[in-house]
Amino acid sequence: MDDIYTRQGFGATLDVQPPIGLLVVDFVNAFADPALFGSLAIQQAIARAVLLLREARIRRWPVAYSRVVYANDGADANLFSQKVPGLLRLTEHAPESAVVDALAPIAGELVLRKTTPSAFHSTNLAPWLAQRGVRTLLVTGATTSGCVRASALDAMCAGFVPVVVSDCVGDRAWGPHQASLFDLRQKYAEVMSLAELMTAPAVDQVQITP
C-alpha cells in the first residue's frame, strides 16, 4: 500500500522546528477506563505521555490540555454527543471528565473545554500557541482515530507543524489506531515515537516562551 503513496508524492517530511508546544488531548479518566471509553492501549499511552510531559516541563514548552465537557443539563448537546450519547456524562465536575492524576495540569498550563473532536474548534488554542511563538505542536492523547486525528489535522490547517507521538497516543482498537497513524503520516503530520522525538536536534535547543 505504501508504494502508491510514494509514487504519488505523499509522505514528505515536516521538520521539527522550535519553539515546541505540547497538546494533551482528552487524557481524562473516562478515556483511561475500559469500562467507559478507554482501553489498555490508552492506559499504556498515558504512561508514556507522563515521560513526555516531564521532558516538556523541563524544557519549558507551553503545555495545553483538552477535556470533553458538556453542560450539566445537556443544553449544549450536539451531533458528537448524538453519535456517542455517553459523552454527555462528561460534565465540568464529573470525575470522569477530569484529567488523569498522572498528567494533572500545573499552574501556567492551559486547560480547554470542548464538545467536538478537535481541540482547536471553537477554543482559543491557536492564538494561545501563537502568542507563545509555537511552530511545532506535539500531539498526544486519545483517541488516535478520533480527537487526536482531528486536532492534528486542525493544527496543520492553523499553520503549526503537528507531530503525533505514536506511543503517546492510544485508541480502543488496534486497526483504527494504525490506520490513523498511517494516514496522518502520509498527509497531515509527522509521526514519531517518543524515543525518535527526543533525538531530534530541535528538542534540545534553548526555548524561551513569554
Protein backbone atom coordinates (compact mmCIF):
# COMPACT_ATOMS: atom_id res chain seq x y z
CA MET A 1 0.00 0.00 0.00
CA ASP A 2 2.90 2.36 0.70
CA ASP A 3 4.00 2.18 -2.95
CA ILE A 4 1.11 4.16 -4.41
CA TYR A 5 1.52 6.88 -1.76
CA THR A 6 5.24 7.14 -2.51
CA ARG A 7 4.66 7.15 -6.24
CA GLN A 8 2.11 9.94 -5.95
CA GLY A 9 4.36 12.06 -3.73
CA PHE A 10 2.76 11.66 -0.30
CA GLY A 11 4.62 11.41 2.99
CA ALA A 12 7.15 14.24 2.65
CA THR A 13 8.94 15.16 5.86
CA LEU A 14 7.92 18.05 8.09
CA ASP A 15 10.84 19.26 10.17
CA VAL A 16 10.52 19.63 13.92
CA GLN A 17 11.16 23.35 14.43
CA PRO A 18 11.34 25.23 17.73
CA PRO A 19 9.60 26.69 19.58
CA ILE A 20 7.78 23.49 20.50
CA GLY A 21 4.48 23.09 22.32
CA LEU A 22 2.67 20.06 23.71
CA LEU A 23 -1.04 19.24 23.38
CA VAL A 24 -2.56 16.53 25.59
CA VAL A 25 -5.87 15.52 24.02
CA ASP A 26 -8.59 14.10 26.28
CA PHE A 27 -6.40 12.00 28.57
CA VAL A 28 -9.21 12.10 31.11
CA ASN A 29 -10.46 9.39 33.44
CA ALA A 30 -13.26 8.28 31.12
CA PHE A 31 -10.81 7.54 28.30
CA ALA A 32 -8.47 5.66 30.62
CA ASP A 33 -11.23 3.37 31.89
CA PRO A 34 -12.05 0.33 29.70
CA ALA A 35 -15.47 0.21 31.35
CA LEU A 36 -16.29 3.64 29.89
CA PHE A 37 -14.50 4.86 26.75
CA GLY A 38 -10.99 3.54 27.36
CA SER A 39 -8.72 0.56 26.79
CA LEU A 40 -5.45 -0.97 27.95
CA ALA A 41 -3.75 0.66 24.94
CA ILE A 42 -4.86 4.09 26.13
CA GLN A 43 -3.57 3.34 29.62
CA GLN A 44 -0.20 2.41 28.12
CA ALA A 45 -0.16 5.63 26.08
CA ILE A 46 -0.82 7.63 29.24
CA ALA A 47 2.18 6.01 30.92
CA ARG A 48 4.39 7.05 28.01
CA ALA A 49 2.88 10.55 27.94
CA VAL A 50 3.96 11.01 31.57
CA LEU A 51 7.57 10.79 30.36
CA LEU A 52 6.95 13.29 27.57
CA LEU A 53 5.20 15.72 29.89
CA ARG A 54 8.15 15.59 32.27
CA GLU A 55 10.52 16.48 29.43
CA ALA A 56 8.21 19.28 28.25
CA ARG A 57 8.21 20.86 31.68
CA ILE A 58 11.98 20.60 31.99
CA ARG A 59 12.31 22.36 28.63
CA ARG A 60 9.61 24.93 29.49
CA TRP A 61 7.47 24.08 26.49
CA PRO A 62 3.94 25.50 26.54
CA VAL A 63 1.53 22.71 27.51
CA ALA A 64 -2.19 22.62 26.73
CA TYR A 65 -4.82 20.04 27.63
CA SER A 66 -8.28 19.37 26.27
CA ARG A 67 -11.26 17.91 28.10
CA VAL A 68 -14.68 16.95 26.76
CA VAL A 69 -17.10 18.95 28.91
CA TYR A 70 -20.86 19.23 28.40
CA ALA A 71 -23.38 21.26 30.39
CA ASN A 72 -24.96 19.55 33.38
CA ASP A 73 -28.37 19.66 31.73
CA GLY A 74 -27.12 18.69 28.27
CA ALA A 75 -28.16 22.04 26.83
CA ASP A 76 -25.12 22.02 24.54
CA ALA A 77 -25.73 18.51 23.22
CA ASN A 78 -24.66 18.29 19.58
CA LEU A 79 -24.06 15.82 16.78
CA PHE A 80 -20.94 14.47 18.53
CA SER A 81 -22.95 13.54 21.60
CA GLN A 82 -25.76 12.25 19.37
CA LYS A 83 -23.29 9.78 17.87
CA VAL A 84 -21.85 8.92 21.30
CA PRO A 85 -24.58 9.69 23.86
CA GLY A 86 -22.45 8.63 26.80
CA LEU A 87 -20.27 11.70 26.30
CA LEU A 88 -22.99 13.80 27.96
CA ARG A 89 -21.91 12.38 31.32
CA LEU A 90 -18.63 14.30 30.94
CA THR A 91 -19.61 17.48 32.76
CA GLU A 92 -17.37 20.04 34.44
CA HIS A 93 -17.25 18.42 37.87
CA ALA A 94 -17.75 14.79 36.88
CA PRO A 95 -14.73 12.71 37.92
CA GLU A 96 -14.82 11.00 34.52
CA SER A 97 -14.05 14.32 32.81
CA ALA A 98 -11.01 15.17 34.93
CA VAL A 99 -7.51 14.86 33.50
CA VAL A 100 -5.90 11.68 34.85
CA ASP A 101 -3.88 12.25 38.00
CA ALA A 102 -0.62 11.16 36.36
CA LEU A 103 -0.88 14.07 33.92
CA ALA A 104 -2.54 16.65 36.16
CA PRO A 105 -2.02 20.21 34.87
CA ILE A 106 0.07 22.66 36.87
CA ALA A 107 -0.02 26.45 37.03
CA GLY A 108 0.58 28.12 33.69
CA GLU A 109 -0.69 25.21 31.61
CA LEU A 110 -3.85 25.73 29.56
CA VAL A 111 -6.92 23.53 30.05
CA LEU A 112 -9.52 23.74 27.26
CA ARG A 113 -13.13 22.56 27.35
CA LYS A 114 -14.61 21.24 24.13
CA THR A 115 -17.72 19.48 22.83
CA THR A 116 -16.34 18.46 19.43
CA PRO A 117 -13.42 16.22 18.45
CA SER A 118 -10.81 18.90 17.67
CA ALA A 119 -9.07 20.79 20.46
CA PHE A 120 -8.93 23.76 18.06
CA HIS A 121 -12.62 24.02 17.18
CA SER A 122 -14.29 26.95 18.97
CA THR A 123 -11.45 27.26 21.50
CA ASN A 124 -8.60 29.74 21.99
CA LEU A 125 -5.88 27.11 21.48
CA ALA A 126 -4.50 28.54 18.21
CA PRO A 127 -4.00 32.12 19.48
CA TRP A 128 -2.64 30.82 22.78
CA LEU A 129 0.02 28.81 20.93
CA ALA A 130 0.75 31.65 18.52
CA GLN A 131 1.26 34.11 21.36
CA ARG A 132 3.94 31.79 22.71
CA GLY A 133 5.63 31.54 19.32
CA VAL A 134 4.95 27.82 18.89
CA ARG A 135 5.87 26.41 15.49
CA THR A 136 5.79 22.66 16.19
CA LEU A 137 2.96 21.10 18.19
CA LEU A 138 3.45 17.68 19.73
CA VAL A 139 0.14 15.84 19.93
CA THR A 140 -0.61 13.13 22.47
CA GLY A 141 -3.87 11.75 23.77
CA ALA A 142 -6.95 9.73 22.92
CA THR A 143 -8.26 8.51 20.69
CA THR A 144 -5.85 8.25 17.77
CA SER A 145 -8.63 7.84 15.23
CA GLY A 146 -10.87 10.47 16.82
CA CYS A 147 -9.90 13.58 18.74
CA VAL A 148 -6.14 13.15 18.21
CA ARG A 149 -6.56 12.92 14.46
CA ALA A 150 -8.99 15.85 14.37
CA SER A 151 -6.68 18.01 16.49
CA ALA A 152 -3.58 17.17 14.46
CA LEU A 153 -5.41 17.99 11.22
CA ASP A 154 -6.59 21.33 12.60
CA ALA A 155 -3.09 22.08 13.89
CA MET A 156 -1.79 21.72 10.34
CA CYS A 157 -4.61 23.87 8.99
CA ALA A 158 -3.71 26.55 11.54
CA GLY A 159 -0.07 26.58 10.43
CA PHE A 160 1.54 24.57 13.22
CA VAL A 161 3.75 21.57 12.38
CA PRO A 162 1.89 18.67 14.02
CA VAL A 163 3.97 15.83 15.41
CA VAL A 164 1.89 12.89 16.63
CA VAL A 165 3.93 10.98 19.20
CA SER A 166 2.97 7.45 18.24
CA ASP A 167 3.47 5.69 21.57
CA CYS A 168 1.85 8.55 23.49
CA VAL A 169 -1.50 8.21 21.70
CA GLY A 170 -3.96 5.39 22.07
CA ASP A 171 -7.23 4.02 20.79
CA ARG A 172 -9.75 1.40 21.84
CA ALA A 173 -8.92 -0.81 18.84
CA TRP A 174 -5.64 -1.52 17.05
CA GLY A 175 -6.95 -1.21 13.48
CA PRO A 176 -8.20 2.41 13.72
CA HIS A 177 -5.05 3.37 15.65
CA GLN A 178 -2.69 2.04 12.97
CA ALA A 179 -4.76 3.30 10.04
CA SER A 180 -4.93 6.79 11.51
CA LEU A 181 -1.20 6.97 12.18
CA PHE A 182 -0.55 5.88 8.59
CA ASP A 183 -2.95 8.46 7.17
CA LEU A 184 -1.60 11.26 9.36
CA ARG A 185 1.97 10.43 8.37
CA GLN A 186 1.14 10.45 4.67
CA LYS A 187 -0.86 13.68 4.51
CA TYR A 188 -1.05 15.85 7.58
CA ALA A 189 1.63 15.36 10.23
CA GLU A 190 4.90 13.89 11.29
CA VAL A 191 4.54 10.68 13.28
CA MET A 192 7.39 9.57 15.52
CA SER A 193 7.93 7.65 18.70
CA LEU A 194 8.97 9.33 21.93
CA ALA A 195 12.49 7.95 21.52
CA GLU A 196 12.72 9.33 17.97
CA LEU A 197 11.39 12.69 19.09
CA MET A 198 13.93 13.06 21.86
CA THR A 199 16.81 12.64 19.39
CA ALA A 200 15.54 15.41 17.09
CA PRO A 201 18.03 18.33 17.11
CA ALA A 202 15.31 20.91 17.76
CA VAL A 203 14.29 19.28 21.03
CA ASP A 204 17.36 20.39 22.94
CA GLN A 205 17.51 23.94 21.60
CA VAL A 206 17.05 26.61 24.23
CA GLN A 207 13.45 27.82 24.22
CA ILE A 208 12.21 30.91 25.99
CA THR A 209 8.46 31.48 25.97
CA PRO A 210 6.52 34.56 27.13
